C-alpha cells in the first residue's frame, strides 16, 4: 500500500472516531494505528534478522527464486523469498536503479534491478560450461 494512502486512512479513522465517539474514540483509533505500525515494524525486524544470519548473496536455488519474482516486489518481500541479504553490485544510478545479486551453490545467479525499492527487471545467469574437458565424438 502507498504510505500516503495508509497514513491518510489512519488520520481519517481518528477524525471519524473523534466525531462519532469523542476523545475516547480518537484514542481508540490512534491506539489501533500505533498497533498496526508496531506489527509492521516487528515483521520487518524478523525478516532482517533472518536475512542477517545467512551468508550474503546466497540463495538455495536461483532458478526457484527466478520463478517467484514478479514486477513491483518490494525489497522486503525479496528478502523474505531469499532469506539472505543480497550482494550489491553498484550504487544507485541517476535514475534511482539499484542492482543486487543472489547466487546459489551451483554458480547460477539472479541479478535484480530495483527502482525506488521496487523490482523492475531481473535476469537468471547460468555458469559457463568448463572448457578443456573431453570433446564429444563426431
Protein backbone atom coordinates (compact mmCIF):
# COMPACT_ATOMS: atom_id res chain seq x y z
CA UNK A 1 0.00 0.00 0.00
CA UNK A 2 1.17 3.51 -0.72
CA UNK A 3 2.29 5.16 2.55
CA UNK A 4 0.28 8.29 1.76
CA UNK A 5 -2.89 6.24 1.48
CA UNK A 6 -2.18 4.35 4.70
CA UNK A 7 -1.48 7.48 6.72
CA UNK A 8 -4.48 9.25 5.19
CA UNK A 9 -6.74 6.37 6.20
CA UNK A 10 -5.31 6.42 9.74
CA UNK A 11 -5.95 10.17 10.07
CA UNK A 12 -9.44 9.73 8.63
CA UNK A 13 -10.18 6.92 11.10
CA UNK A 14 -9.06 9.06 14.05
CA UNK A 15 -11.14 12.01 12.82
CA UNK A 16 -14.25 9.88 12.28
CA UNK A 17 -13.81 8.17 15.65
CA UNK A 18 -13.49 11.57 17.32
CA UNK A 19 -16.60 12.89 15.55
CA UNK A 20 -18.63 9.81 16.49
CA UNK A 21 -17.33 8.92 19.98
CA UNK A 22 -15.39 11.96 21.17
CA UNK A 23 -11.92 11.84 22.62
CA UNK A 24 -12.35 8.18 23.69
CA UNK A 25 -12.95 7.18 20.08
CA UNK A 26 -9.95 9.16 18.90
CA UNK A 27 -7.73 7.44 21.48
CA UNK A 28 -9.05 4.02 20.44
CA UNK A 29 -8.43 4.72 16.73
CA UNK A 30 -4.96 6.11 17.48
CA UNK A 31 -4.18 3.01 19.54
CA UNK A 32 -5.16 0.75 16.62
CA UNK A 33 -3.00 2.79 14.21
CA UNK A 34 0.02 2.53 16.55
CA UNK A 35 -0.57 -1.21 16.93
CA UNK A 36 -0.59 -1.61 13.12
CA UNK A 37 2.70 0.30 12.84
CA UNK A 38 4.27 -1.89 15.54
CA UNK A 39 3.16 -5.08 13.77
CA UNK A 40 4.75 -3.86 10.52
CA UNK A 41 7.95 -2.89 12.35
CA UNK A 42 8.10 -6.30 14.04
CA UNK A 43 7.64 -8.05 10.69
CA UNK A 44 10.45 -6.02 9.15
CA UNK A 45 12.81 -6.78 12.03
CA UNK A 46 12.03 -10.50 11.82
CA UNK A 47 12.84 -10.59 8.09
CA UNK A 48 16.06 -8.62 8.55
CA UNK A 49 17.16 -10.77 11.49
CA UNK A 50 16.63 -13.94 9.46
CA UNK A 51 18.43 -12.49 6.45
CA UNK A 52 21.30 -11.25 8.61
CA UNK A 53 22.13 -14.77 9.82
CA UNK A 54 22.53 -16.18 6.30
CA UNK A 55 25.57 -15.77 4.02
CA UNK A 56 25.39 -12.56 1.99
CA UNK A 57 24.18 -13.02 -1.56
CA UNK A 58 23.36 -16.72 -1.08
CA UNK A 59 20.15 -18.42 -2.11
CA UNK A 60 19.33 -22.15 -2.07
CA UNK A 61 18.12 -22.20 -5.69
CA UNK A 62 18.50 -19.34 -8.15
CA UNK A 63 16.01 -20.98 -10.52
CA UNK A 64 13.32 -21.15 -7.82
CA UNK A 65 13.95 -17.52 -6.87
CA UNK A 66 13.74 -16.52 -10.54
CA UNK A 67 10.38 -18.27 -10.90
CA UNK A 68 8.90 -16.48 -7.87
CA UNK A 69 9.87 -12.94 -8.88
CA UNK A 70 7.35 -10.55 -10.36
CA UNK A 71 7.46 -6.84 -11.19
CA UNK A 72 6.75 -4.46 -8.34
CA UNK A 73 8.01 -6.63 -5.47
CA UNK A 74 9.47 -4.58 -2.64
CA UNK A 75 12.95 -5.29 -1.31
CA UNK A 76 11.48 -6.61 1.95
CA UNK A 77 9.41 -9.16 0.01
CA UNK A 78 12.51 -10.21 -1.94
CA UNK A 79 14.40 -10.69 1.33
CA UNK A 80 11.57 -12.93 2.53
CA UNK A 81 11.97 -15.07 -0.61
CA UNK A 82 15.77 -15.29 -0.48
CA UNK A 83 16.20 -15.44 3.31
CA UNK A 84 19.51 -13.57 2.88
CA UNK A 85 20.81 -10.12 2.13
CA UNK A 86 21.83 -9.64 -1.48
CA UNK A 87 25.22 -8.66 -2.84
CA UNK A 88 25.01 -5.06 -4.02
CA UNK A 89 26.63 -4.72 -7.43
CA UNK A 90 26.95 -0.93 -7.53
CA UNK A 91 25.39 2.21 -6.14
CA UNK A 92 22.15 3.64 -7.41
CA UNK A 93 22.43 5.45 -10.72
CA UNK A 94 20.83 8.80 -11.53
CA UNK A 95 17.51 7.10 -12.33
CA UNK A 96 17.40 5.52 -8.85
CA UNK A 97 18.13 1.97 -10.11
CA UNK A 98 19.97 -0.35 -7.73
CA UNK A 99 21.44 -3.71 -8.76
CA UNK A 100 21.58 -6.75 -6.48
CA UNK A 101 22.75 -10.35 -6.95
CA UNK A 102 21.98 -13.68 -5.31
CA UNK A 103 23.99 -16.83 -6.18
CA UNK A 104 23.24 -20.49 -5.46
CA UNK A 105 25.79 -23.24 -4.66
CA UNK A 106 25.83 -24.39 -8.31
CA UNK A 107 27.02 -20.99 -9.54
CA UNK A 108 23.70 -19.89 -11.03
CA UNK A 109 22.83 -16.33 -10.14
CA UNK A 110 19.91 -13.95 -10.29
CA UNK A 111 20.62 -10.27 -10.93
CA UNK A 112 17.87 -7.87 -9.88
CA UNK A 113 17.26 -4.23 -10.69
CA UNK A 114 15.18 -2.19 -8.26
CA UNK A 115 13.93 1.34 -8.85
CA UNK A 116 12.90 3.19 -5.71
CA UNK A 117 12.81 -0.07 -3.75
CA UNK A 118 10.64 -1.99 -6.24
CA UNK A 119 11.66 -4.75 -8.62
CA UNK A 120 11.66 -3.65 -12.25
CA UNK A 121 13.86 -6.22 -14.01
CA UNK A 122 15.68 -9.47 -13.24
CA UNK A 123 17.80 -12.00 -15.10
CA UNK A 124 18.90 -15.58 -14.43
CA UNK A 125 22.51 -16.31 -15.41
CA UNK A 126 23.91 -19.82 -15.57
CA UNK A 127 27.64 -20.55 -15.24
CA UNK A 128 29.66 -21.15 -18.38
CA UNK A 129 30.46 -24.83 -19.03
CA UNK A 130 34.04 -25.80 -18.17
CA UNK A 131 36.49 -25.64 -21.10
CA UNK A 132 39.14 -28.21 -21.81
CA UNK A 133 37.13 -31.32 -20.98
CA UNK A 134 36.63 -34.26 -23.29
CA UNK A 135 35.35 -33.36 -26.71
CA UNK A 136 32.25 -35.17 -27.97
CA UNK A 137 32.84 -37.74 -30.70
CA UNK A 138 31.97 -36.55 -34.19
